[in-house]
Amino acid sequence: MRLAGSDGLRYTPSGLPTLRLRAAHGSQQQEGGRCRAVEIETEVVAFGDTAQRLARLPIGEQIRLSGFLDRKGVKYPTLELHVTEFVHITEFELFSPQSGPD
């Protein structure tokens, strides 16, 4: 995945760092015996130390995200990814034969 945009680091009323951003993914997938281009952008949220570390990365950087899906809010049934861990993928890792798909 690639960092596609960010609203910048903010803080909750209790002082917890929070970051809302967008992550983009593009790949080729097999479906029905044919190759299909997949391109998506999804909303992502992170809190605490994870939010602070993600906020330091420039837009466009490659990342691998882990976390869980939840709705955006009580009134918003739209899904968003809550990031609990991430890995910043360097150019070397991106082209290494040992690295897996994002």
PDB file of N, CA and C in Angstrom:
ATOM      1  N   MET A   1       0.850  -1.174   0.000  1.00  0.00           N
ATOM      2  CA  MET A   1       0.000   0.000   0.000  1.00  0.00           C
ATOM      3  C   MET A   1       0.893   1.234   0.000  1.00  0.00           C
ATOM      4  N   ARG A   2       0.279   2.320  -0.371  1.00  0.00           N
ATOM      5  CA  ARG A   2       0.986   3.603  -0.451  1.00  0.00           C
ATOM      6  C   ARG A   2       0.188   4.649   0.320  1.00  0.00           C
ATOM      7  N   LEU A   3       0.875   5.513   1.074  1.00  0.00           N
ATOM      8  CA  LEU A   3       0.199   6.624   1.753  1.00  0.00           C
ATOM      9  C   LEU A   3      -0.296   7.600   0.691  1.00  0.00           C
ATOM     10  N   ALA A   4      -1.611   7.819   0.654  1.00  0.00           N
ATOM     11  CA  ALA A   4      -2.191   8.651  -0.400  1.00  0.00           C
ATOM     12  C   ALA A   4      -2.618  10.031   0.089  1.00  0.00           C
ATOM     13  N   GLY A   5      -2.715  10.239   1.380  1.00  0.00           N
ATOM     14  CA  GLY A   5      -3.128  11.536   1.897  1.00  0.00           C
ATOM     15  C   GLY A   5      -3.309  11.472   3.395  1.00  0.00           C
ATOM     16  N   SER A   6      -3.291  12.641   4.032  1.00  0.00           N
ATOM     17  CA  SER A   6      -3.415  12.691   5.482  1.00  0.00           C
ATOM     18  C   SER A   6      -4.058  14.003   5.904  1.00  0.00           C
ATOM     19  N   ASP A   7      -4.822  13.940   6.977  1.00  0.00           N
ATOM     20  CA  ASP A   7      -5.394  15.160   7.559  1.00  0.00           C
ATOM     21  C   ASP A   7      -4.453  15.774   8.589  1.00  0.00           C
ATOM     22  N   GLY A   8      -3.316  15.156   8.816  1.00  0.00           N
ATOM     23  CA  GLY A   8      -2.349  15.659   9.781  1.00  0.00           C
ATOM     24  C   GLY A   8      -2.628  15.124  11.180  1.00  0.00           C
ATOM     25  N   LEU A   9      -1.585  15.098  11.986  1.00  0.00           N
ATOM     26  CA  LEU A   9      -1.691  14.600  13.348  1.00  0.00           C
ATOM     27  C   LEU A   9      -2.544  15.545  14.189  1.00  0.00           C
ATOM     28  N   ARG A  10      -3.493  14.972  14.897  1.00  0.00           N
ATOM     29  CA  ARG A  10      -4.362  15.736  15.796  1.00  0.00           C
ATOM     30  C   ARG A  10      -4.391  15.028  17.141  1.00  0.00           C
ATOM     31  N   TYR A  11      -5.097  15.599  18.084  1.00  0.00           N
ATOM     32  CA  TYR A  11      -5.197  15.016  19.415  1.00  0.00           C
ATOM     33  C   TYR A  11      -6.652  14.970  19.854  1.00  0.00           C
ATOM     34  N   THR A  12      -7.018  13.873  20.513  1.00  0.00           N
ATOM     35  CA  THR A  12      -8.370  13.762  21.064  1.00  0.00           C
ATOM     36  C   THR A  12      -8.466  14.702  22.265  1.00  0.00           C
ATOM     37  N   PRO A  13      -9.678  14.976  22.751  1.00  0.00           N
ATOM     38  CA  PRO A  13      -9.814  15.831  23.949  1.00  0.00           C
ATOM     39  C   PRO A  13      -9.007  15.320  25.149  1.00  0.00           C
ATOM     40  N   SER A  14      -8.777  14.006  25.218  1.00  0.00           N
ATOM     41  CA  SER A  14      -7.992  13.458  26.329  1.00  0.00           C
ATOM     42  C   SER A  14      -6.489  13.475  26.056  1.00  0.00           C
ATOM     43  N   GLY A  15      -6.076  14.010  24.880  1.00  0.00           N
ATOM     44  CA  GLY A  15      -4.657  14.142  24.564  1.00  0.00           C
ATOM     45  C   GLY A  15      -4.045  12.984  23.801  1.00  0.00           C
ATOM     46  N   LEU A  16      -4.852  12.039  23.336  1.00  0.00           N
ATOM     47  CA  LEU A  16      -4.346  10.892  22.585  1.00  0.00           C
ATOM     48  C   LEU A  16      -4.082  11.305  21.132  1.00  0.00           C
ATOM     49  N   PRO A  17      -2.849  11.090  20.622  1.00  0.00           N
ATOM     50  CA  PRO A  17      -2.572  11.415  19.222  1.00  0.00           C
ATOM     51  C   PRO A  17      -3.445  10.566  18.292  1.00  0.00           C
ATOM     52  N   THR A  18      -3.973  11.182  17.238  1.00  0.00           N
ATOM     53  CA  THR A  18      -4.787  10.469  16.256  1.00  0.00           C
ATOM     54  C   THR A  18      -4.445  10.976  14.860  1.00  0.00           C
ATOM     55  N   LEU A  19      -4.477  10.056  13.907  1.00  0.00           N
ATOM     56  CA  LEU A  19      -4.152  10.400  12.529  1.00  0.00           C
ATOM     57  C   LEU A  19      -5.148   9.719  11.603  1.00  0.00           C
ATOM     58  N   ARG A  20      -5.808  10.502  10.777  1.00  0.00           N
ATOM     59  CA  ARG A  20      -6.687   9.975   9.730  1.00  0.00           C
ATOM     60  C   ARG A  20      -5.954  10.162   8.413  1.00  0.00           C
ATOM     61  N   LEU A  21      -5.903   9.085   7.636  1.00  0.00           N
ATOM     62  CA  LEU A  21      -5.229   9.175   6.351  1.00  0.00           C
ATOM     63  C   LEU A  21      -5.890   8.251   5.351  1.00  0.00           C
ATOM     64  N   ARG A  22      -5.411   8.311   4.124  1.00  0.00           N
ATOM     65  CA  ARG A  22      -5.895   7.440   3.064  1.00  0.00           C
ATOM     66  C   ARG A  22      -4.722   6.602   2.569  1.00  0.00           C
ATOM     67  N   ALA A  23      -5.008   5.329   2.330  1.00  0.00           N
ATOM     68  CA  ALA A  23      -4.001   4.416   1.801  1.00  0.00           C
ATOM     69  C   ALA A  23      -4.509   3.881   0.464  1.00  0.00           C
ATOM     70  N   ALA A  24      -3.615   3.791  -0.500  1.00  0.00           N
ATOM     71  CA  ALA A  24      -3.978   3.320  -1.839  1.00  0.00           C
ATOM     72  C   ALA A  24      -3.288   1.992  -2.124  1.00  0.00           C
ATOM     73  N   HIS A  25      -3.980   1.151  -2.885  1.00  0.00           N
ATOM     74  CA  HIS A  25      -3.450  -0.154  -3.279  1.00  0.00           C
ATOM     75  C   HIS A  25      -3.736  -0.361  -4.760  1.00  0.00           C
ATOM     76  N   GLY A  26      -2.773  -0.923  -5.455  1.00  0.00           N
ATOM     77  CA  GLY A  26      -2.964  -1.286  -6.851  1.00  0.00           C
ATOM     78  C   GLY A  26      -2.304  -2.616  -7.128  1.00  0.00           C
ATOM     79  N   SER A  27      -3.001  -3.489  -7.844  1.00  0.00           N
ATOM     80  CA  SER A  27      -2.435  -4.796  -8.175  1.00  0.00           C
ATOM     81  C   SER A  27      -3.211  -5.419  -9.326  1.00  0.00           C
ATOM     82  N   GLN A  28      -2.714  -6.552  -9.788  1.00  0.00           N
ATOM     83  CA  GLN A  28      -3.388  -7.373 -10.791  1.00  0.00           C
ATOM     84  C   GLN A  28      -3.882  -8.621 -10.071  1.00  0.00           C
ATOM     85  N   GLN A  29      -5.156  -8.971 -10.223  1.00  0.00           N
ATOM     86  CA  GLN A  29      -5.749 -10.130  -9.557  1.00  0.00           C
ATOM     87  C   GLN A  29      -6.451 -11.006 -10.589  1.00  0.00           C
ATOM     88  N   GLN A  30      -6.497 -12.289 -10.293  1.00  0.00           N
ATOM     89  CA  GLN A  30      -7.210 -13.238 -11.144  1.00  0.00           C
ATOM     90  C   GLN A  30      -8.657 -13.350 -10.659  1.00  0.00           C
ATOM     91  N   GLU A  31      -9.593 -13.238 -11.591  1.00  0.00           N
ATOM     92  CA  GLU A  31     -11.008 -13.382 -11.261  1.00  0.00           C
ATOM     93  C   GLU A  31     -11.718 -13.968 -12.477  1.00  0.00           C
ATOM     94  N   GLY A  32     -12.402 -15.071 -12.285  1.00  0.00           N
ATOM     95  CA  GLY A  32     -13.120 -15.696 -13.386  1.00  0.00           C
ATOM     96  C   GLY A  32     -12.221 -16.100 -14.539  1.00  0.00           C
ATOM     97  N   GLY A  33     -10.973 -16.468 -14.208  1.00  0.00           N
ATOM     98  CA  GLY A  33     -10.048 -16.896 -15.245  1.00  0.00           C
ATOM     99  C   GLY A  33      -9.396 -15.764 -16.016  1.00  0.00           C
ATOM    100  N   ARG A  34      -9.627 -14.532 -15.579  1.00  0.00           N
ATOM    101  CA  ARG A  34      -9.038 -13.375 -16.270  1.00  0.00           C
ATOM    102  C   ARG A  34      -8.279 -12.500 -15.288  1.00  0.00           C
ATOM    103  N   CYS A  35      -7.329 -11.769 -15.832  1.00  0.00           N
ATOM    104  CA  CYS A  35      -6.560 -10.832 -15.030  1.00  0.00           C
ATOM    105  C   CYS A  35      -7.328  -9.509 -14.936  1.00  0.00           C
ATOM    106  N   ARG A  36      -7.409  -8.982 -13.748  1.00  0.00           N
ATOM    107  CA  ARG A  36      -8.165  -7.749 -13.516  1.00  0.00           C
ATOM    108  C   ARG A  36      -7.317  -6.757 -12.727  1.00  0.00           C
ATOM    109  N   ALA A  37      -7.283  -5.515 -13.177  1.00  0.00           N
ATOM    110  CA  ALA A  37      -6.578  -4.460 -12.450  1.00  0.00           C
ATOM    111  C   ALA A  37      -7.436  -4.020 -11.266  1.00  0.00           C
ATOM    112  N   VAL A  38      -6.812  -3.970 -10.099  1.00  0.00           N
ATOM    113  CA  VAL A  38      -7.500  -3.548  -8.882  1.00  0.00           C
ATOM    114  C   VAL A  38      -6.813  -2.289  -8.373  1.00  0.00           C
ATOM    115  N   GLU A  39      -7.576  -1.230  -8.193  1.00  0.00           N
ATOM    116  CA  GLU A  39      -7.052   0.013  -7.633  1.00  0.00           C
ATOM    117  C   GLU A  39      -8.073   0.543  -6.649  1.00  0.00           C
ATOM    118  N   ILE A  40      -7.655   0.685  -5.379  1.00  0.00           N
ATOM    119  CA  ILE A  40      -8.564   1.192  -4.353  1.00  0.00           C
ATOM    120  C   ILE A  40      -7.856   2.231  -3.485  1.00  0.00           C
ATOM    121  N   GLU A  41      -8.645   3.030  -2.836  1.00  0.00           N
ATOM    122  CA  GLU A  41      -8.162   3.944  -1.812  1.00  0.00           C
ATOM    123  C   GLU A  41      -9.102   3.774  -0.629  1.00  0.00           C
ATOM    124  N   THR A  42      -8.557   3.616   0.557  1.00  0.00           N
ATOM    125  CA  THR A  42      -9.377   3.375   1.729  1.00  0.00           C
ATOM    126  C   THR A  42      -8.999   4.307   2.870  1.00  0.00           C
ATOM    127  N   GLU A  43      -9.953   4.541   3.741  1.00  0.00           N
ATOM    128  CA  GLU A  43      -9.717   5.396   4.899  1.00  0.00           C
ATOM    129  C   GLU A  43      -9.066   4.590   6.012  1.00  0.00           C
ATOM    130  N   VAL A  44      -8.103   5.225   6.679  1.00  0.00           N
ATOM    131  CA  VAL A  44      -7.317   4.582   7.716  1.00  0.00           C
ATOM    132  C   VAL A  44      -7.246   5.525   8.911  1.00  0.00           C
ATOM    133  N   VAL A  45      -7.252   4.961  10.117  1.00  0.00           N
ATOM    134  CA  VAL A  45      -7.084   5.760  11.326  1.00  0.00           C
ATOM    135  C   VAL A  45      -6.088   5.060  12.238  1.00  0.00           C
ATOM    136  N   ALA A  46      -5.275   5.847  12.922  1.00  0.00           N
ATOM    137  CA  ALA A  46      -4.307   5.302  13.875  1.00  0.00           C
ATOM    138  C   ALA A  46      -4.305   6.182  15.119  1.00  0.00           C
ATOM    139  N   PHE A  47      -3.969   5.584  16.246  1.00  0.00           N
ATOM    140  CA  PHE A  47      -3.944   6.302  17.514  1.00  0.00           C
ATOM    141  C   PHE A  47      -2.610   6.084  18.222  1.00  0.00           C
ATOM    142  N   GLY A  48      -2.292   6.968  19.153  1.00  0.00           N
ATOM    143  CA  GLY A  48      -1.115   6.813  20.006  1.00  0.00           C
ATOM    144  C   GLY A  48       0.189   6.875  19.246  1.00  0.00           C
ATOM    145  N   ASP A  49       1.135   6.028  19.687  1.00  0.00           N
ATOM    146  CA  ASP A  49       2.472   5.989  19.092  1.00  0.00           C
ATOM    147  C   ASP A  49       2.422   5.648  17.609  1.00  0.00           C
ATOM    148  N   THR A  50       1.509   4.755  17.234  1.00  0.00           N
ATOM    149  CA  THR A  50       1.369   4.381  15.821  1.00  0.00           C
ATOM    150  C   THR A  50       1.020   5.606  14.984  1.00  0.00           C
ATOM    151  N   ALA A  51       0.108   6.437  15.472  1.00  0.00           N
ATOM    152  CA  ALA A  51      -0.271   7.664  14.761  1.00  0.00           C
ATOM    153  C   ALA A  51       0.916   8.610  14.629  1.00  0.00           C
ATOM    154  N   GLN A  52       1.676   8.769  15.697  1.00  0.00           N
ATOM    155  CA  GLN A  52       2.826   9.672  15.654  1.00  0.00           C
ATOM    156  C   GLN A  52       3.886   9.197  14.666  1.00  0.00           C
ATOM    157  N   ARG A  53       4.157   7.884  14.636  1.00  0.00           N
ATOM    158  CA  ARG A  53       5.159   7.355  13.708  1.00  0.00           C
ATOM    159  C   ARG A  53       4.684   7.439  12.262  1.00  0.00           C
ATOM    160  N   LEU A  54       3.401   7.135  12.016  1.00  0.00           N
ATOM    161  CA  LEU A  54       2.858   7.242  10.651  1.00  0.00           C
ATOM    162  C   LEU A  54       2.885   8.685  10.160  1.00  0.00           C
ATOM    163  N   ALA A  55       2.632   9.621  11.045  1.00  0.00           N
ATOM    164  CA  ALA A  55       2.585  11.041  10.664  1.00  0.00           C
ATOM    165  C   ALA A  55       3.933  11.545  10.168  1.00  0.00           C
ATOM    166  N   ARG A  56       5.008  10.891  10.546  1.00  0.00           N
ATOM    167  CA  ARG A  56       6.355  11.315  10.111  1.00  0.00           C
ATOM    168  C   ARG A  56       6.694  10.865   8.691  1.00  0.00           C
ATOM    169  N   LEU A  57       5.902   9.928   8.139  1.00  0.00           N
ATOM    170  CA  LEU A  57       6.189   9.439   6.787  1.00  0.00           C
ATOM    171  C   LEU A  57       5.620  10.390   5.736  1.00  0.00           C
ATOM    172  N   PRO A  58       6.370  10.636   4.673  1.00  0.00           N
ATOM    173  CA  PRO A  58       5.860  11.489   3.603  1.00  0.00           C
ATOM    174  C   PRO A  58       4.774  10.774   2.783  1.00  0.00           C
ATOM    175  N   ILE A  59       3.868  11.549   2.227  1.00  0.00           N
ATOM    176  CA  ILE A  59       2.843  11.013   1.335  1.00  0.00           C
ATOM    177  C   ILE A  59       3.548  10.347   0.151  1.00  0.00           C
ATOM    178  N   GLY A  60       3.030   9.207  -0.269  1.00  0.00           N
ATOM    179  CA  GLY A  60       3.611   8.475  -1.383  1.00  0.00           C
ATOM    180  C   GLY A  60       4.469   7.299  -0.953  1.00  0.00           C
ATOM    181  N   GLU A  61       4.828   7.228   0.329  1.00  0.00           N
ATOM    182  CA  GLU A  61       5.672   6.133   0.813  1.00  0.00           C
ATOM    183  C   GLU A  61       4.908   4.810   0.817  1.00  0.00           C
ATOM    184  N   GLN A  62       5.635   3.722   0.563  1.00  0.00           N
ATOM    185  CA  GLN A  62       5.062   2.374   0.585  1.00  0.00           C
ATOM    186  C   GLN A  62       5.037   1.866   2.020  1.00  0.00           C
ATOM    187  N   ILE A  63       3.901   1.268   2.420  1.00  0.00           N
ATOM    188  CA  ILE A  63       3.733   0.768   3.779  1.00  0.00           C
ATOM    189  C   ILE A  63       2.983  -0.561   3.759  1.00  0.00           C
ATOM    190  N   ARG A  64       3.153  -1.326   4.808  1.00  0.00           N
ATOM    191  CA  ARG A  64       2.362  -2.541   5.030  1.00  0.00           C
ATOM    192  C   ARG A  64       1.623  -2.308   6.340  1.00  0.00           C
ATOM    193  N   LEU A  65       0.301  -2.375   6.293  1.00  0.00           N
ATOM    194  CA  LEU A  65      -0.531  -2.061   7.452  1.00  0.00           C
ATOM    195  C   LEU A  65      -1.142  -3.313   8.059  1.00  0.00           C
ATOM    196  N   SER A  66      -1.288  -3.318   9.378  1.00  0.00           N
ATOM    197  CA  SER A  66      -1.995  -4.373  10.102  1.00  0.00           C
ATOM    198  C   SER A  66      -2.934  -3.702  11.087  1.00  0.00           C
ATOM    199  N   GLY A  67      -4.070  -4.346  11.310  1.00  0.00           N
ATOM    200  CA  GLY A  67      -5.030  -3.792  12.255  1.00  0.00           C
ATOM    201  C   GLY A  67      -6.360  -4.492  12.127  1.00  0.00           C
ATOM    202  N   PHE A  68      -7.433  -3.723  12.265  1.00  0.00           N
ATOM    203  CA  PHE A  68      -8.772  -4.303  12.179  1.00  0.00           C
ATOM    204  C   PHE A  68      -9.719  -3.326  11.506  1.00  0.00           C
ATOM    205  N   LEU A  69     -10.779  -3.877  10.931  1.00  0.00           N
ATOM    206  CA  LEU A  69     -11.809  -3.061  10.292  1.00  0.00           C
ATOM    207  C   LEU A  69     -12.909  -2.736  11.296  1.00  0.00           C
ATOM    208  N   ASP A  70     -13.402  -1.518  11.216  1.00  0.00           N
ATOM    209  CA  ASP A  70     -14.538  -1.100  12.037  1.00  0.00           C
ATOM    210  C   ASP A  70     -15.296  -0.044  11.246  1.00  0.00           C
ATOM    211  N   ARG A  71     -16.515   0.234  11.659  1.00  0.00           N
ATOM    212  CA  ARG A  71     -17.248   1.304  10.979  1.00  0.00           C
ATOM    213  C   ARG A  71     -16.647   2.644  11.400  1.00  0.00           C
ATOM    214  N   LYS A  72     -16.848   3.636  10.549  1.00  0.00           N
ATOM    215  CA  LYS A  72     -16.245   4.942  10.781  1.00  0.00           C
ATOM    216  C   LYS A  72     -16.819   5.627  12.015  1.00  0.00           C
ATOM    217  N   GLY A  73     -18.059   5.367  12.329  1.00  0.00           N
ATOM    218  CA  GLY A  73     -18.688   5.963  13.503  1.00  0.00           C
ATOM    219  C   GLY A  73     -20.082   5.404  13.671  1.00  0.00           C
ATOM    220  N   VAL A  74     -20.739   5.779  14.747  1.00  0.00           N
ATOM    221  CA  VAL A  74     -22.084   5.273  15.035  1.00  0.00           C
ATOM    222  C   VAL A  74     -23.044   5.594  13.896  1.00  0.00           C
ATOM    223  N   LYS A  75     -22.938   6.783  13.338  1.00  0.00           N
ATOM    224  CA  LYS A  75     -23.843   7.207  12.269  1.00  0.00           C
ATOM    225  C   LYS A  75     -23.304   6.889  10.877  1.00  0.00           C
ATOM    226  N   TYR A  76     -22.075   6.357  10.793  1.00  0.00           N
ATOM    227  CA  TYR A  76     -21.434   6.107   9.506  1.00  0.00           C
ATOM    228  C   TYR A  76     -21.058   4.632   9.389  1.00  0.00           C
ATOM    229  N   PRO A  77     -21.819   3.845   8.648  1.00  0.00           N
ATOM    230  CA  PRO A  77     -21.510   2.422   8.522  1.00  0.00           C
ATOM    231  C   PRO A  77     -20.334   2.127   7.581  1.00  0.00           C
ATOM    232  N   THR A  78     -19.723   3.152   6.998  1.00  0.00           N
ATOM    233  CA  THR A  78     -18.579   2.967   6.104  1.00  0.00           C
ATOM    234  C   THR A  78     -17.405   2.354   6.871  1.00  0.00           C
ATOM    235  N   LEU A  79     -16.727   1.389   6.250  1.00  0.00           N
ATOM    236  CA  LEU A  79     -15.577   0.745   6.888  1.00  0.00           C
ATOM    237  C   LEU A  79     -14.349   1.640   6.856  1.00  0.00           C
ATOM    238  N   GLU A  80     -13.533   1.520   7.900  1.00  0.00           N
ATOM    239  CA  GLU A  80     -12.203   2.113   7.902  1.00  0.00           C
ATOM    240  C   GLU A  80     -11.262   1.154   8.617  1.00  0.00           C
ATOM    241  N   LEU A  81      -9.999   1.192   8.225  1.00  0.00           N
ATOM    242  CA  LEU A  81      -8.990   0.337   8.823  1.00  0.00           C
ATOM    243  C   LEU A  81      -8.377   1.057  10.017  1.00  0.00           C
ATOM    244  N   HIS A  82      -8.420   0.418  11.189  1.00  0.00           N
ATOM    245  CA  HIS A  82      -7.751   0.924  12.385  1.00  0.00           C
ATOM    246  C   HIS A  82      -6.379   0.270  12.436  1.00  0.00           C
ATOM    247  N   VAL A  83      -5.339   1.054  12.228  1.00  0.00           N
ATOM    248  CA  VAL A  83      -3.980   0.526  12.158  1.00  0.00           C
ATOM    249  C   VAL A  83      -3.424   0.349  13.566  1.00  0.00           C
ATOM    250  N   THR A  84      -2.952  -0.858  13.848  1.00  0.00           N
ATOM    251  CA  THR A  84      -2.302  -1.128  15.130  1.00  0.00           C
ATOM    252  C   THR A  84      -0.802  -1.331  14.956  1.00  0.00           C
ATOM    253  N   GLU A  85      -0.384  -1.697  13.734  1.00  0.00           N
ATOM    254  CA  GLU A  85       1.028  -1.865  13.408  1.00  0.00           C
ATOM    255  C   GLU A  85       1.240  -1.521  11.940  1.00  0.00           C
ATOM    256  N   PHE A  86       2.459  -1.074  11.618  1.00  0.00           N
ATOM    257  CA  PHE A  86       2.790  -0.847  10.206  1.00  0.00           C
ATOM    258  C   PHE A  86       4.281  -1.028   9.995  1.00  0.00           C
ATOM    259  N   VAL A  87       4.628  -1.275   8.746  1.00  0.00           N
ATOM    260  CA  VAL A  87       6.032  -1.382   8.340  1.00  0.00           C
ATOM    261  C   VAL A  87       6.233  -0.423   7.183  1.00  0.00           C
ATOM    262  N   HIS A  88       7.260   0.406   7.282  1.00  0.00           N
ATOM    263  CA  HIS A  88       7.651   1.297   6.190  1.00  0.00           C
ATOM    264  C   HIS A  88       8.501   0.474   5.242  1.00  0.00           C
ATOM    265  N   ILE A  89       8.081   0.348   4.000  1.00  0.00           N
ATOM    266  CA  ILE A  89       8.780  -0.489   3.025  1.00  0.00           C
ATOM    267  C   ILE A  89       9.743   0.384   2.234  1.00  0.00           C
ATOM    268  N   THR A  90      11.018   0.055   2.344  1.00  0.00           N
ATOM    269  CA  THR A  90      12.031   0.813   1.627  1.00  0.00           C
ATOM    270  C   THR A  90      12.098   0.332   0.190  1.00  0.00           C
ATOM    271  N   GLU A  91      12.789   1.092  -0.644  1.00  0.00           N
ATOM    272  CA  GLU A  91      12.940   0.717  -2.059  1.00  0.00           C
ATOM    273  C   GLU A  91      13.608  -0.637  -2.183  1.00  0.00           C
ATOM    274  N   PHE A  92      14.591  -0.923  -1.324  1.00  0.00           N
ATOM    275  CA  PHE A  92      15.276  -2.217  -1.366  1.00  0.00           C
ATOM    276  C   PHE A  92      14.299  -3.340  -1.062  1.00  0.00           C
ATOM    277  N   GLU A  93      13.482  -3.185  -0.026  1.00  0.00           N
ATOM    278  CA  GLU A  93      12.517  -4.216   0.347  1.00  0.00           C
ATOM    279  C   GLU A  93      11.452  -4.392  -0.731  1.00  0.00           C
ATOM    280  N   LEU A  94      11.079  -3.306  -1.392  1.00  0.00           N
ATOM    281  CA  LEU A  94      10.052  -3.342  -2.416  1.00  0.00           C
ATOM    282  C   LEU A  94      10.449  -4.254  -3.576  1.00  0.00           C
ATOM    283  N   PHE A  95      11.741  -4.286  -3.903  1.00  0.00           N
ATOM    284  CA  PHE A  95      12.214  -5.073  -5.042  1.00  0.00           C
ATOM    285  C   PHE A  95      12.962  -6.339  -4.630  1.00  0.00           C
ATOM    286  N   SER A  96      13.014  -6.634  -3.354  1.00  0.00           N
ATOM    287  CA  SER A  96      13.694  -7.822  -2.876  1.00  0.00           C
ATOM    288  C   SER A  96      12.857  -9.060  -3.181  1.00  0.00           C
ATOM    289  N   PRO A  97      13.481 -10.154  -3.644  1.00  0.00           N
ATOM    290  CA  PRO A  97      12.712 -11.367  -3.934  1.00  0.00           C
ATOM    291  C   PRO A  97      12.114 -11.986  -2.668  1.00  0.00           C
ATOM    292  N   GLN A  98      12.602 -11.604  -1.486  1.00  0.00           N
ATOM    293  CA  GLN A  98      12.089 -12.151  -0.226  1.00  0.00           C
ATOM    294  C   GLN A  98      10.856 -11.409   0.272  1.00  0.00           C
ATOM    295  N   SER A  99      10.582 -10.224  -0.258  1.00  0.00           N
ATOM    296  CA  SER A  99       9.435  -9.459   0.228  1.00  0.00           C
ATOM    297  C   SER A  99       8.157 -10.008  -0.381  1.00  0.00           C
ATOM    298  N   GLY A 100       7.092 -10.009   0.417  1.00  0.00           N
ATOM    299  CA  GLY A 100       5.803 -10.514  -0.049  1.00  0.00           C
ATOM    300  C   GLY A 100       4.963  -9.415  -0.650  1.00  0.00           C
ATOM    301  N   PRO A 101       3.759  -9.737  -1.125  1.00  0.00           N
ATOM    302  CA  PRO A 101       2.873  -8.725  -1.693  1.00  0.00           C
ATOM    303  C   PRO A 101       2.364  -7.784  -0.623  1.00  0.00           C
ATOM    304  N   ASP A 102       1.982  -6.559  -1.010  1.00  0.00           N
ATOM    305  CA  ASP A 102       1.452  -5.615  -0.015  1.00  0.00           C
ATOM    306  C   ASP A 102      -0.027  -5.758   0.148  1.00  0.00           C
TER     307      ASP A 102
END
